[in-house]
């Protein structure tokens, strides 16, 4: 039987970058990691009503901006093609 796990990424510092007030959790956003795993990124809203800044957990340590693949996954694909001189199609099959 396959089990489903829910992965939620949180901010390590839960302070507003603008007014330094605490942040409230405000739901999650779905994110497709490596185009095969759904994870959730925690959304936050500032407690200060005047600021009302919205933000979410950032994964830029692992994933570049506007990219769906982790840095490790991209490097693995490059290494496979360099070592084995494989086509793109064959490298996808070997990763799965």
PDB file of N, CA and C in Angstrom:
ATOM      1  N   UNK A   1       0.838  -1.177   0.000  1.00  0.00           N
ATOM      2  CA  UNK A   1       0.000   0.000   0.000  1.00  0.00           C
ATOM      3  C   UNK A   1       0.890   1.250   0.000  1.00  0.00           C
ATOM      4  N   UNK A   2       0.586   2.175  -0.883  1.00  0.00           N
ATOM      5  CA  UNK A   2       1.374   3.396  -1.006  1.00  0.00           C
ATOM      6  C   UNK A   2       0.901   4.427   0.012  1.00  0.00           C
ATOM      7  N   UNK A   3       1.838   4.980   0.764  1.00  0.00           N
ATOM      8  CA  UNK A   3       1.497   6.026   1.728  1.00  0.00           C
ATOM      9  C   UNK A   3       1.743   7.388   1.101  1.00  0.00           C
ATOM     10  N   UNK A   4       0.924   8.357   1.454  1.00  0.00           N
ATOM     11  CA  UNK A   4       1.102   9.723   0.985  1.00  0.00           C
ATOM     12  C   UNK A   4       1.641  10.559   2.136  1.00  0.00           C
ATOM     13  N   UNK A   5       2.637  11.358   1.830  1.00  0.00           N
ATOM     14  CA  UNK A   5       3.224  12.251   2.809  1.00  0.00           C
ATOM     15  C   UNK A   5       3.024  13.683   2.353  1.00  0.00           C
ATOM     16  N   UNK A   6       2.801  14.567   3.306  1.00  0.00           N
ATOM     17  CA  UNK A   6       2.653  15.982   2.994  1.00  0.00           C
ATOM     18  C   UNK A   6       3.912  16.694   3.486  1.00  0.00           C
ATOM     19  N   UNK A   7       4.643  17.315   2.568  1.00  0.00           N
ATOM     20  CA  UNK A   7       5.865  18.035   2.898  1.00  0.00           C
ATOM     21  C   UNK A   7       5.571  19.521   2.804  1.00  0.00           C
ATOM     22  N   UNK A   8       5.813  20.244   3.903  1.00  0.00           N
ATOM     23  CA  UNK A   8       5.603  21.688   3.926  1.00  0.00           C
ATOM     24  C   UNK A   8       6.916  22.352   4.310  1.00  0.00           C
ATOM     25  N   UNK A   9       7.385  23.274   3.474  1.00  0.00           N
ATOM     26  CA  UNK A   9       8.596  24.025   3.761  1.00  0.00           C
ATOM     27  C   UNK A   9       8.234  25.327   4.463  1.00  0.00           C
ATOM     28  N   UNK A  10       8.933  25.619   5.563  1.00  0.00           N
ATOM     29  CA  UNK A  10       8.667  26.786   6.389  1.00  0.00           C
ATOM     30  C   UNK A  10       9.849  27.742   6.353  1.00  0.00           C
ATOM     31  N   UNK A  11       9.609  28.982   6.759  1.00  0.00           N
ATOM     32  CA  UNK A  11      10.690  29.954   6.912  1.00  0.00           C
ATOM     33  C   UNK A  11      11.399  29.678   8.229  1.00  0.00           C
ATOM     34  N   UNK A  12      12.704  29.880   8.254  1.00  0.00           N
ATOM     35  CA  UNK A  12      13.435  29.674   9.501  1.00  0.00           C
ATOM     36  C   UNK A  12      13.262  30.879  10.434  1.00  0.00           C
ATOM     37  N   UNK A  13      13.110  32.062   9.870  1.00  0.00           N
ATOM     38  CA  UNK A  13      12.884  33.270  10.674  1.00  0.00           C
ATOM     39  C   UNK A  13      11.494  33.797  10.332  1.00  0.00           C
ATOM     40  N   UNK A  14      10.617  33.793  11.299  1.00  0.00           N
ATOM     41  CA  UNK A  14       9.249  34.219  11.049  1.00  0.00           C
ATOM     42  C   UNK A  14       9.042  35.662  11.498  1.00  0.00           C
ATOM     43  N   UNK A  15       9.839  36.567  10.910  1.00  0.00           N
ATOM     44  CA  UNK A  15       9.727  38.009  11.150  1.00  0.00           C
ATOM     45  C   UNK A  15       9.539  38.709   9.820  1.00  0.00           C
ATOM     46  N   UNK A  16       8.744  39.775   9.816  1.00  0.00           N
ATOM     47  CA  UNK A  16       8.513  40.556   8.605  1.00  0.00           C
ATOM     48  C   UNK A  16       9.805  41.282   8.222  1.00  0.00           C
ATOM     49  N   UNK A  17      10.222  41.198   6.947  1.00  0.00           N
ATOM     50  CA  UNK A  17      11.445  41.889   6.529  1.00  0.00           C
ATOM     51  C   UNK A  17      11.290  43.408   6.495  1.00  0.00           C
ATOM     52  N   UNK A  18      10.054  43.907   6.491  1.00  0.00           N
ATOM     53  CA  UNK A  18       9.827  45.351   6.398  1.00  0.00           C
ATOM     54  C   UNK A  18       9.694  46.000   7.776  1.00  0.00           C
ATOM     55  N   UNK A  19       8.805  45.459   8.628  1.00  0.00           N
ATOM     56  CA  UNK A  19       8.541  46.107   9.916  1.00  0.00           C
ATOM     57  C   UNK A  19       9.024  45.289  11.119  1.00  0.00           C
ATOM     58  N   UNK A  20       9.589  44.124  10.900  1.00  0.00           N
ATOM     59  CA  UNK A  20      10.132  43.250  11.947  1.00  0.00           C
ATOM     60  C   UNK A  20       9.062  42.734  12.918  1.00  0.00           C
ATOM     61  N   UNK A  21       7.801  42.734  12.497  1.00  0.00           N
ATOM     62  CA  UNK A  21       6.730  42.146  13.306  1.00  0.00           C
ATOM     63  C   UNK A  21       6.683  40.638  13.065  1.00  0.00           C
ATOM     64  N   UNK A  22       5.967  39.939  13.918  1.00  0.00           N
ATOM     65  CA  UNK A  22       5.791  38.505  13.726  1.00  0.00           C
ATOM     66  C   UNK A  22       4.919  38.237  12.504  1.00  0.00           C
ATOM     67  N   UNK A  23       5.031  37.036  11.970  1.00  0.00           N
ATOM     68  CA  UNK A  23       4.233  36.619  10.816  1.00  0.00           C
ATOM     69  C   UNK A  23       3.228  35.552  11.228  1.00  0.00           C
ATOM     70  N   UNK A  24       2.066  35.584  10.614  1.00  0.00           N
ATOM     71  CA  UNK A  24       1.058  34.544  10.790  1.00  0.00           C
ATOM     72  C   UNK A  24       1.078  33.619   9.590  1.00  0.00           C
ATOM     73  N   UNK A  25       0.898  32.330   9.836  1.00  0.00           N
ATOM     74  CA  UNK A  25       0.778  31.395   8.722  1.00  0.00           C
ATOM     75  C   UNK A  25      -0.531  31.671   8.004  1.00  0.00           C
ATOM     76  N   UNK A  26      -0.498  31.578   6.670  1.00  0.00           N
ATOM     77  CA  UNK A  26      -1.658  31.952   5.872  1.00  0.00           C
ATOM     78  C   UNK A  26      -1.858  30.961   4.727  1.00  0.00           C
ATOM     79  N   UNK A  27      -1.897  29.671   5.039  1.00  0.00           N
ATOM     80  CA  UNK A  27      -2.115  28.661   4.012  1.00  0.00           C
ATOM     81  C   UNK A  27      -0.821  28.213   3.363  1.00  0.00           C
ATOM     82  N   UNK A  28      -0.956  27.425   2.297  1.00  0.00           N
ATOM     83  CA  UNK A  28       0.212  26.913   1.569  1.00  0.00           C
ATOM     84  C   UNK A  28      -0.020  27.023   0.070  1.00  0.00           C
ATOM     85  N   UNK A  29       1.085  27.017  -0.687  1.00  0.00           N
ATOM     86  CA  UNK A  29       1.044  26.972  -2.151  1.00  0.00           C
ATOM     87  C   UNK A  29       1.629  25.653  -2.602  1.00  0.00           C
ATOM     88  N   UNK A  30       1.002  25.028  -3.599  1.00  0.00           N
ATOM     89  CA  UNK A  30       1.555  23.807  -4.178  1.00  0.00           C
ATOM     90  C   UNK A  30       2.734  24.161  -5.069  1.00  0.00           C
ATOM     91  N   UNK A  31       3.736  23.287  -5.073  1.00  0.00           N
ATOM     92  CA  UNK A  31       4.908  23.455  -5.915  1.00  0.00           C
ATOM     93  C   UNK A  31       5.303  22.081  -6.435  1.00  0.00           C
ATOM     94  N   UNK A  32       5.526  21.973  -7.726  1.00  0.00           N
ATOM     95  CA  UNK A  32       5.895  20.705  -8.338  1.00  0.00           C
ATOM     96  C   UNK A  32       7.418  20.604  -8.385  1.00  0.00           C
ATOM     97  N   UNK A  33       7.984  19.769  -7.522  1.00  0.00           N
ATOM     98  CA  UNK A  33       9.424  19.610  -7.399  1.00  0.00           C
ATOM     99  C   UNK A  33       9.916  18.522  -8.326  1.00  0.00           C
ATOM    100  N   UNK A  34      10.915  18.826  -9.131  1.00  0.00           N
ATOM    101  CA  UNK A  34      11.487  17.895 -10.102  1.00  0.00           C
ATOM    102  C   UNK A  34      10.425  17.308 -11.025  1.00  0.00           C
ATOM    103  N   UNK A  35       9.358  18.045 -11.210  1.00  0.00           N
ATOM    104  CA  UNK A  35       8.248  17.693 -12.098  1.00  0.00           C
ATOM    105  C   UNK A  35       7.623  16.343 -11.785  1.00  0.00           C
ATOM    106  N   UNK A  36       7.787  15.857 -10.529  1.00  0.00           N
ATOM    107  CA  UNK A  36       7.121  14.604 -10.171  1.00  0.00           C
ATOM    108  C   UNK A  36       6.652  14.550  -8.717  1.00  0.00           C
ATOM    109  N   UNK A  37       7.064  15.493  -7.869  1.00  0.00           N
ATOM    110  CA  UNK A  37       6.643  15.482  -6.469  1.00  0.00           C
ATOM    111  C   UNK A  37       5.971  16.795  -6.119  1.00  0.00           C
ATOM    112  N   UNK A  38       4.811  16.696  -5.523  1.00  0.00           N
ATOM    113  CA  UNK A  38       4.112  17.899  -5.078  1.00  0.00           C
ATOM    114  C   UNK A  38       4.518  18.184  -3.636  1.00  0.00           C
ATOM    115  N   UNK A  39       5.063  19.377  -3.427  1.00  0.00           N
ATOM    116  CA  UNK A  39       5.370  19.835  -2.080  1.00  0.00           C
ATOM    117  C   UNK A  39       4.566  21.108  -1.840  1.00  0.00           C
ATOM    118  N   UNK A  40       4.564  21.576  -0.619  1.00  0.00           N
ATOM    119  CA  UNK A  40       3.837  22.791  -0.280  1.00  0.00           C
ATOM    120  C   UNK A  40       4.786  23.780   0.367  1.00  0.00           C
ATOM    121  N   UNK A  41       4.656  25.048  -0.034  1.00  0.00           N
ATOM    122  CA  UNK A  41       5.443  26.124   0.552  1.00  0.00           C
ATOM    123  C   UNK A  41       4.507  26.962   1.414  1.00  0.00           C
ATOM    124  N   UNK A  42       4.878  27.155   2.666  1.00  0.00           N
ATOM    125  CA  UNK A  42       4.063  27.895   3.619  1.00  0.00           C
ATOM    126  C   UNK A  42       3.976  29.363   3.227  1.00  0.00           C
ATOM    127  N   UNK A  43       2.758  29.929   3.257  1.00  0.00           N
ATOM    128  CA  UNK A  43       2.555  31.359   3.018  1.00  0.00           C
ATOM    129  C   UNK A  43       2.405  32.056   4.369  1.00  0.00           C
ATOM    130  N   UNK A  44       2.837  33.321   4.419  1.00  0.00           N
ATOM    131  CA  UNK A  44       2.777  34.110   5.648  1.00  0.00           C
ATOM    132  C   UNK A  44       2.199  35.489   5.355  1.00  0.00           C
ATOM    133  N   UNK A  45       1.593  36.089   6.387  1.00  0.00           N
ATOM    134  CA  UNK A  45       1.126  37.472   6.320  1.00  0.00           C
ATOM    135  C   UNK A  45       1.583  38.156   7.611  1.00  0.00           C
ATOM    136  N   UNK A  46       1.992  39.424   7.494  1.00  0.00           N
ATOM    137  CA  UNK A  46       2.471  40.188   8.646  1.00  0.00           C
ATOM    138  C   UNK A  46       1.321  40.459   9.615  1.00  0.00           C
ATOM    139  N   UNK A  47       1.610  40.377  10.930  1.00  0.00           N
ATOM    140  CA  UNK A  47       0.591  40.653  11.951  1.00  0.00           C
ATOM    141  C   UNK A  47       0.233  42.134  12.013  1.00  0.00           C
ATOM    142  N   UNK A  48       1.170  42.985  11.630  1.00  0.00           N
ATOM    143  CA  UNK A  48       0.950  44.423  11.656  1.00  0.00           C
ATOM    144  C   UNK A  48      -0.040  44.796  10.549  1.00  0.00           C
ATOM    145  N   UNK A  49      -1.191  45.311  10.912  1.00  0.00           N
ATOM    146  CA  UNK A  49      -2.245  45.631   9.941  1.00  0.00           C
ATOM    147  C   UNK A  49      -1.819  46.736   8.971  1.00  0.00           C
ATOM    148  N   UNK A  50      -0.946  47.648   9.391  1.00  0.00           N
ATOM    149  CA  UNK A  50      -0.493  48.724   8.507  1.00  0.00           C
ATOM    150  C   UNK A  50       0.461  48.189   7.439  1.00  0.00           C
ATOM    151  N   UNK A  51       1.263  47.211   7.790  1.00  0.00           N
ATOM    152  CA  UNK A  51       2.234  46.643   6.845  1.00  0.00           C
ATOM    153  C   UNK A  51       1.545  45.648   5.906  1.00  0.00           C
ATOM    154  N   UNK A  52       0.920  44.628   6.464  1.00  0.00           N
ATOM    155  CA  UNK A  52       0.159  43.610   5.722  1.00  0.00           C
ATOM    156  C   UNK A  52       0.968  42.961   4.592  1.00  0.00           C
ATOM    157  N   UNK A  53       2.281  42.787   4.806  1.00  0.00           N
ATOM    158  CA  UNK A  53       3.176  42.176   3.811  1.00  0.00           C
ATOM    159  C   UNK A  53       2.905  40.677   3.711  1.00  0.00           C
ATOM    160  N   UNK A  54       2.837  40.155   2.487  1.00  0.00           N
ATOM    161  CA  UNK A  54       2.662  38.724   2.239  1.00  0.00           C
ATOM    162  C   UNK A  54       3.988  38.145   1.768  1.00  0.00           C
ATOM    163  N   UNK A  55       4.317  36.941   2.222  1.00  0.00           N
ATOM    164  CA  UNK A  55       5.534  36.260   1.777  1.00  0.00           C
ATOM    165  C   UNK A  55       5.313  34.757   1.865  1.00  0.00           C
ATOM    166  N   UNK A  56       6.287  33.996   1.372  1.00  0.00           N
ATOM    167  CA  UNK A  56       6.199  32.543   1.467  1.00  0.00           C
ATOM    168  C   UNK A  56       7.590  31.970   1.676  1.00  0.00           C
ATOM    169  N   UNK A  57       7.648  30.707   2.052  1.00  0.00           N
ATOM    170  CA  UNK A  57       8.926  30.037   2.265  1.00  0.00           C
ATOM    171  C   UNK A  57       9.731  30.053   0.973  1.00  0.00           C
ATOM    172  N   UNK A  58      11.021  30.289   1.102  1.00  0.00           N
ATOM    173  CA  UNK A  58      11.902  30.403  -0.054  1.00  0.00           C
ATOM    174  C   UNK A  58      12.801  29.173  -0.126  1.00  0.00           C
ATOM    175  N   UNK A  59      12.921  28.606  -1.311  1.00  0.00           N
ATOM    176  CA  UNK A  59      13.756  27.421  -1.508  1.00  0.00           C
ATOM    177  C   UNK A  59      14.974  27.718  -2.380  1.00  0.00           C
ATOM    178  N   UNK A  60      15.404  28.992  -2.454  1.00  0.00           N
ATOM    179  CA  UNK A  60      16.483  29.351  -3.380  1.00  0.00           C
ATOM    180  C   UNK A  60      17.818  28.705  -3.020  1.00  0.00           C
ATOM    181  N   UNK A  61      17.955  28.165  -1.819  1.00  0.00           N
ATOM    182  CA  UNK A  61      19.160  27.433  -1.458  1.00  0.00           C
ATOM    183  C   UNK A  61      19.244  26.121  -2.256  1.00  0.00           C
ATOM    184  N   UNK A  62      18.084  25.559  -2.612  1.00  0.00           N
ATOM    185  CA  UNK A  62      18.028  24.279  -3.311  1.00  0.00           C
ATOM    186  C   UNK A  62      17.603  24.404  -4.770  1.00  0.00           C
ATOM    187  N   UNK A  63      16.782  25.422  -5.080  1.00  0.00           N
ATOM    188  CA  UNK A  63      16.187  25.558  -6.411  1.00  0.00           C
ATOM    189  C   UNK A  63      16.395  26.987  -6.895  1.00  0.00           C
ATOM    190  N   UNK A  64      16.924  27.153  -8.106  1.00  0.00           N
ATOM    191  CA  UNK A  64      17.090  28.488  -8.674  1.00  0.00           C
ATOM    192  C   UNK A  64      15.739  29.083  -9.048  1.00  0.00           C
ATOM    193  N   UNK A  65      15.691  30.408  -9.137  1.00  0.00           N
ATOM    194  CA  UNK A  65      14.465  31.114  -9.482  1.00  0.00           C
ATOM    195  C   UNK A  65      13.975  30.686 -10.867  1.00  0.00           C
ATOM    196  N   UNK A  66      12.678  30.489 -11.005  1.00  0.00           N
ATOM    197  CA  UNK A  66      12.005  30.082 -12.241  1.00  0.00           C
ATOM    198  C   UNK A  66      12.458  28.700 -12.715  1.00  0.00           C
ATOM    199  N   UNK A  67      12.837  27.836 -11.800  1.00  0.00           N
ATOM    200  CA  UNK A  67      13.278  26.483 -12.146  1.00  0.00           C
ATOM    201  C   UNK A  67      12.485  25.481 -11.307  1.00  0.00           C
ATOM    202  N   UNK A  68      12.141  24.348 -11.876  1.00  0.00           N
ATOM    203  CA  UNK A  68      11.405  23.313 -11.150  1.00  0.00           C
ATOM    204  C   UNK A  68      12.303  22.215 -10.611  1.00  0.00           C
ATOM    205  N   UNK A  69      13.544  22.175 -11.054  1.00  0.00           N
ATOM    206  CA  UNK A  69      14.446  21.104 -10.661  1.00  0.00           C
ATOM    207  C   UNK A  69      15.417  21.570  -9.584  1.00  0.00           C
ATOM    208  N   UNK A  70      15.735  20.681  -8.654  1.00  0.00           N
ATOM    209  CA  UNK A  70      16.737  20.992  -7.647  1.00  0.00           C
ATOM    210  C   UNK A  70      18.106  21.043  -8.316  1.00  0.00           C
ATOM    211  N   UNK A  71      19.037  21.710  -7.663  1.00  0.00           N
ATOM    212  CA  UNK A  71      20.388  21.824  -8.216  1.00  0.00           C
ATOM    213  C   UNK A  71      21.031  20.443  -8.358  1.00  0.00           C
ATOM    214  N   UNK A  72      20.785  19.548  -7.400  1.00  0.00           N
ATOM    215  CA  UNK A  72      21.342  18.194  -7.471  1.00  0.00           C
ATOM    216  C   UNK A  72      20.805  17.433  -8.674  1.00  0.00           C
ATOM    217  N   UNK A  73      19.518  17.578  -8.961  1.00  0.00           N
ATOM    218  CA  UNK A  73      18.912  16.875 -10.086  1.00  0.00           C
ATOM    219  C   UNK A  73      19.498  17.374 -11.410  1.00  0.00           C
ATOM    220  N   UNK A  74      19.691  18.686 -11.538  1.00  0.00           N
ATOM    221  CA  UNK A  74      20.265  19.231 -12.770  1.00  0.00           C
ATOM    222  C   UNK A  74      21.708  18.771 -12.957  1.00  0.00           C
ATOM    223  N   UNK A  75      22.481  18.756 -11.867  1.00  0.00           N
ATOM    224  CA  UNK A  75      23.868  18.305 -11.956  1.00  0.00           C
ATOM    225  C   UNK A  75      23.939  16.823 -12.307  1.00  0.00           C
ATOM    226  N   UNK A  76      23.034  16.013 -11.781  1.00  0.00           N
ATOM    227  CA  UNK A  76      23.010  14.582 -12.107  1.00  0.00           C
ATOM    228  C   UNK A  76      22.766  14.374 -13.595  1.00  0.00           C
ATOM    229  N   UNK A  77      21.839  15.117 -14.148  1.00  0.00           N
ATOM    230  CA  UNK A  77      21.556  15.005 -15.575  1.00  0.00           C
ATOM    231  C   UNK A  77      22.753  15.371 -16.433  1.00  0.00           C
ATOM    232  N   UNK A  78      23.456  16.432 -16.038  1.00  0.00           N
ATOM    233  CA  UNK A  78      24.655  16.837 -16.783  1.00  0.00           C
ATOM    234  C   UNK A  78      25.760  15.792 -16.673  1.00  0.00           C
ATOM    235  N   UNK A  79      25.954  15.255 -15.475  1.00  0.00           N
ATOM    236  CA  UNK A  79      27.003  14.248 -15.283  1.00  0.00           C
ATOM    237  C   UNK A  79      26.720  12.979 -16.078  1.00  0.00           C
ATOM    238  N   UNK A  80      25.480  12.553 -16.129  1.00  0.00           N
ATOM    239  CA  UNK A  80      25.124  11.353 -16.892  1.00  0.00           C
ATOM    240  C   UNK A  80      25.421  11.564 -18.369  1.00  0.00           C
ATOM    241  N   UNK A  81      25.058  12.723 -18.888  1.00  0.00           N
ATOM    242  CA  UNK A  81      25.291  12.964 -20.317  1.00  0.00           C
ATOM    243  C   UNK A  81      26.776  13.109 -20.633  1.00  0.00           C
ATOM    244  N   UNK A  82      27.562  13.645 -19.697  1.00  0.00           N
ATOM    245  CA  UNK A  82      28.996  13.798 -19.939  1.00  0.00           C
ATOM    246  C   UNK A  82      29.729  12.457 -19.869  1.00  0.00           C
ATOM    247  N   UNK A  83      29.352  11.625 -18.912  1.00  0.00           N
ATOM    248  CA  UNK A  83      30.038  10.346 -18.735  1.00  0.00           C
ATOM    249  C   UNK A  83      29.675   9.356 -19.827  1.00  0.00           C
ATOM    250  N   UNK A  84      28.389   9.227 -20.082  1.00  0.00           N
ATOM    251  CA  UNK A  84      27.963   8.183 -21.008  1.00  0.00           C
ATOM    252  C   UNK A  84      27.657   8.648 -22.402  1.00  0.00           C
ATOM    253  N   UNK A  85      27.795   9.943 -22.669  1.00  0.00           N
ATOM    254  CA  UNK A  85      27.430  10.494 -23.973  1.00  0.00           C
ATOM    255  C   UNK A  85      26.036  10.012 -24.382  1.00  0.00           C
ATOM    256  N   UNK A  86      25.106  10.118 -23.428  1.00  0.00           N
ATOM    257  CA  UNK A  86      23.739   9.649 -23.669  1.00  0.00           C
ATOM    258  C   UNK A  86      22.888  10.755 -24.259  1.00  0.00           C
ATOM    259  N   UNK A  87      21.887  10.357 -25.005  1.00  0.00           N
ATOM    260  CA  UNK A  87      20.917  11.320 -25.502  1.00  0.00           C
ATOM    261  C   UNK A  87      20.025  11.751 -24.340  1.00  0.00           C
ATOM    262  N   UNK A  88      19.287  12.830 -24.527  1.00  0.00           N
ATOM    263  CA  UNK A  88      18.391  13.338 -23.488  1.00  0.00           C
ATOM    264  C   UNK A  88      17.350  12.277 -23.119  1.00  0.00           C
ATOM    265  N   UNK A  89      16.810  11.597 -24.101  1.00  0.00           N
ATOM    266  CA  UNK A  89      15.778  10.588 -23.864  1.00  0.00           C
ATOM    267  C   UNK A  89      16.326   9.429 -23.025  1.00  0.00           C
ATOM    268  N   UNK A  90      17.495   8.943 -23.350  1.00  0.00           N
ATOM    269  CA  UNK A  90      18.076   7.830 -22.612  1.00  0.00           C
ATOM    270  C   UNK A  90      18.468   8.228 -21.194  1.00  0.00           C
ATOM    271  N   UNK A  91      18.896   9.474 -21.008  1.00  0.00           N
ATOM    272  CA  UNK A  91      19.260   9.914 -19.655  1.00  0.00           C
ATOM    273  C   UNK A  91      18.038  10.002 -18.765  1.00  0.00           C
ATOM    274  N   UNK A  92      16.872  10.341 -19.325  1.00  0.00           N
ATOM    275  CA  UNK A  92      15.646  10.393 -18.533  1.00  0.00           C
ATOM    276  C   UNK A  92      15.242   8.995 -18.076  1.00  0.00           C
ATOM    277  N   UNK A  93      15.427   8.026 -18.918  1.00  0.00           N
ATOM    278  CA  UNK A  93      15.082   6.654 -18.575  1.00  0.00           C
ATOM    279  C   UNK A  93      15.999   6.144 -17.482  1.00  0.00           C
ATOM    280  N   UNK A  94      17.275   6.480 -17.528  1.00  0.00           N
ATOM    281  CA  UNK A  94      18.222   5.990 -16.520  1.00  0.00           C
ATOM    282  C   UNK A  94      18.020   6.644 -15.163  1.00  0.00           C
ATOM    283  N   UNK A  95      17.457   7.866 -15.112  1.00  0.00           N
ATOM    284  CA  UNK A  95      17.186   8.526 -13.835  1.00  0.00           C
ATOM    285  C   UNK A  95      15.985   7.901 -13.147  1.00  0.00           C
ATOM    286  N   UNK A  96      15.034   7.411 -13.888  1.00  0.00           N
ATOM    287  CA  UNK A  96      13.834   6.817 -13.293  1.00  0.00           C
ATOM    288  C   UNK A  96      14.158   5.437 -12.898  1.00  0.00           C
TER     289      UNK A  96
END
